[in-house]
Protein backbone atom coordinates (compact mmCIF):
# COMPACT_ATOMS: atom_id res chain seq x y z
CA MET A 1 -42.78 -30.72 29.28
CA THR A 2 -43.91 -30.63 32.85
CA ASP A 3 -45.85 -28.15 34.88
CA HIS A 4 -43.41 -26.37 37.20
CA LEU A 5 -45.70 -26.52 40.23
CA THR A 6 -47.15 -30.01 40.07
CA HIS A 7 -44.51 -31.75 37.89
CA LYS A 8 -47.26 -33.25 35.76
CA PRO A 9 -47.01 -33.46 31.97
CA GLN A 10 -48.74 -30.61 30.15
CA SER A 11 -51.01 -32.30 27.68
CA ASN A 12 -53.17 -29.27 26.90
CA VAL A 13 -50.28 -27.24 25.38
CA PRO A 14 -50.27 -27.53 21.56
CA HIS A 15 -47.29 -29.25 19.95
CA CYS A 16 -46.09 -26.12 18.05
CA PHE A 17 -45.76 -24.18 21.30
CA GLN A 18 -43.77 -27.03 22.84
CA ALA A 19 -41.45 -27.14 19.84
CA ARG A 20 -40.99 -23.37 19.97
CA ARG A 21 -40.30 -23.50 23.70
CA LEU A 22 -37.74 -26.29 23.19
CA ALA A 23 -36.03 -24.32 20.42
CA LEU A 24 -35.87 -21.23 22.61
CA GLN A 25 -34.49 -23.27 25.50
CA ARG A 26 -31.78 -24.74 23.25
CA GLU A 27 -30.90 -21.27 22.02
CA ILE A 28 -30.64 -19.98 25.59
CA ASP A 29 -28.49 -22.98 26.55
CA GLU A 30 -26.14 -22.36 23.60
CA GLU A 31 -25.82 -18.68 24.48
CA SER A 32 -25.09 -19.46 28.13
CA GLN A 33 -22.31 -21.92 27.26
CA PRO A 34 -18.80 -20.45 27.43
CA LYS A 35 -17.69 -19.61 23.92
CA ALA A 36 -14.24 -19.97 22.47
CA ASN A 37 -12.90 -16.44 22.26
CA PHE A 38 -10.05 -16.02 19.82
CA GLY A 39 -9.90 -12.23 19.90
CA GLN A 40 -9.13 -10.64 16.57
CA TRP A 41 -9.01 -14.02 14.81
CA ASP A 42 -12.74 -14.79 15.35
CA THR A 43 -13.71 -13.41 11.94
CA ALA A 44 -10.66 -14.55 9.95
CA HIS A 45 -11.66 -16.72 7.01
CA PHE A 46 -9.88 -19.98 6.19
CA ASP A 47 -10.48 -22.53 3.43
CA ASN A 48 -11.53 -25.23 5.88
CA SER A 49 -11.87 -25.75 9.62
CA GLU A 50 -8.69 -27.86 9.84
CA LYS A 51 -6.58 -24.93 8.61
CA GLN A 52 -8.39 -22.62 11.03
CA ILE A 53 -7.76 -24.94 13.98
CA LYS A 54 -4.09 -25.31 13.04
CA PHE A 55 -3.67 -21.54 12.70
CA LEU A 56 -5.33 -20.87 16.04
CA ARG A 57 -3.15 -23.49 17.73
CA LEU A 58 -0.05 -21.85 16.25
CA MET A 59 -1.21 -18.46 17.48
CA GLY A 60 -1.78 -19.90 20.95
CA GLY A 61 -5.51 -19.26 20.98
CA PHE A 62 -6.69 -22.80 20.56
CA LYS A 63 -5.43 -25.94 22.23
CA LYS A 64 -5.72 -29.47 20.86
CA GLY A 65 -8.80 -31.30 22.12
CA SER A 66 -10.51 -28.06 23.04
CA GLN A 67 -14.07 -27.23 22.03
CA PRO A 68 -14.78 -27.07 18.27
CA ILE A 69 -15.05 -23.82 16.40
CA ARG A 70 -18.55 -22.57 15.66
CA GLN A 71 -19.49 -20.20 12.90
CA LYS A 72 -20.42 -16.82 14.40
CA SER A 73 -22.25 -13.87 13.03
CA GLU A 74 -20.06 -11.35 11.30
CA ARG A 75 -19.02 -8.41 13.48
CA PHE A 76 -16.40 -5.68 13.46
CA ASN A 77 -13.00 -6.95 14.42
CA MET A 78 -9.37 -6.61 13.42
CA ALA A 79 -9.11 -9.72 11.26
CA LEU A 80 -10.47 -9.54 7.72
CA GLY A 81 -13.21 -11.63 6.18
CA LYS A 82 -12.89 -13.35 2.82
CA GLU A 83 -14.19 -10.42 0.75
CA SER A 84 -12.04 -7.93 2.63
CA GLN A 85 -9.00 -10.16 2.14
CA GLN A 86 -9.62 -10.29 -1.61
CA THR A 87 -10.17 -6.53 -1.81
CA LEU A 88 -6.98 -5.85 0.13
CA GLN A 89 -5.01 -8.34 -1.98
CA GLN A 90 -6.22 -6.74 -5.22
CA GLY A 91 -5.34 -3.27 -3.92
CA LEU A 92 -1.85 -4.36 -2.90
CA LEU A 93 -1.29 -6.08 -6.23
CA GLY A 94 -2.39 -2.94 -8.09
CA GLU A 95 0.00 -0.77 -6.06
CA PHE A 96 2.84 -3.21 -6.69
CA GLU A 97 2.22 -3.20 -10.45
CA ARG A 98 2.06 0.62 -10.52
CA ALA A 99 5.37 0.79 -8.65
CA GLN A 100 6.96 -1.71 -11.05
CA ASN A 101 5.73 0.29 -14.06
CA ARG A 102 7.05 3.51 -12.56
CA ARG A 103 10.40 1.85 -11.98
CA MET A 104 10.56 0.63 -15.58
CA ASP A 105 9.41 3.94 -17.07
CA PHE A 106 11.92 6.03 -15.14
CA GLN A 107 14.76 3.56 -14.97
CA ASN A 108 17.49 6.17 -14.56
CA LYS A 109 15.60 9.36 -13.78
CA GLY A 110 16.01 10.65 -10.30
CA ALA A 111 18.82 8.25 -9.50
CA GLY A 112 20.47 10.89 -7.33
CA LEU A 113 23.37 13.34 -7.54
CA GLY A 114 25.96 12.79 -10.18
CA PHE A 115 23.72 11.01 -12.61
CA SER A 116 23.57 12.30 -16.12
CA ALA A 117 22.06 10.74 -19.17
CA PRO A 118 24.53 9.34 -21.69
CA SER A 119 25.42 12.00 -24.21
CA ASN A 120 26.59 11.68 -27.80
CA LYS A 121 30.15 12.85 -27.06
CA LYS A 122 32.93 11.74 -29.33
CA PHE A 123 35.60 12.10 -26.67
CA ALA A 124 36.20 10.72 -23.22
CA ILE A 125 37.77 12.31 -20.17
CA ASP A 126 40.10 10.14 -18.18
CA ALA A 127 39.55 11.22 -14.62
CA ASN A 128 42.51 9.15 -13.37
CA ALA A 129 45.08 10.73 -15.72
CA ARG A 130 47.57 13.09 -14.10
CA ASN A 131 48.59 15.74 -16.57
CA SER A 132 49.19 18.41 -14.00
CA ILE A 133 52.67 19.47 -13.02
CA ARG A 134 53.73 19.45 -9.39
CA PHE A 135 55.98 22.11 -8.10
CA ASP A 136 58.14 21.11 -5.21
CA ASP A 137 58.77 24.23 -3.18
């Protein structure tokens, strides 16, 4: 560290203050650097960074050889995090299973007009038979 006015080393500043000042300066430098902005995909969770990079390249938000992806603090966005993905997946699976059960329980009920349950009739009606007599007038 140097004194800003005389450009001489500051020897009277304790080491802990210098370390804290350096850490703050690094933090300021990191914040001032342009960040990769991927829009709604910033918070999307992937198994590893290679899959994330590939996905972002496919979506057009990340070019090969560009700056690496940094982990960011969680914030509200359109893409889901890992827990939200699992919750949504479980909800969708539950709805699917309920729909499948409903379909199996009511296989033929509500099938539309003209449906009737099979009865225990001992006779059959041939709808194609023509027993009527035509009169040619």
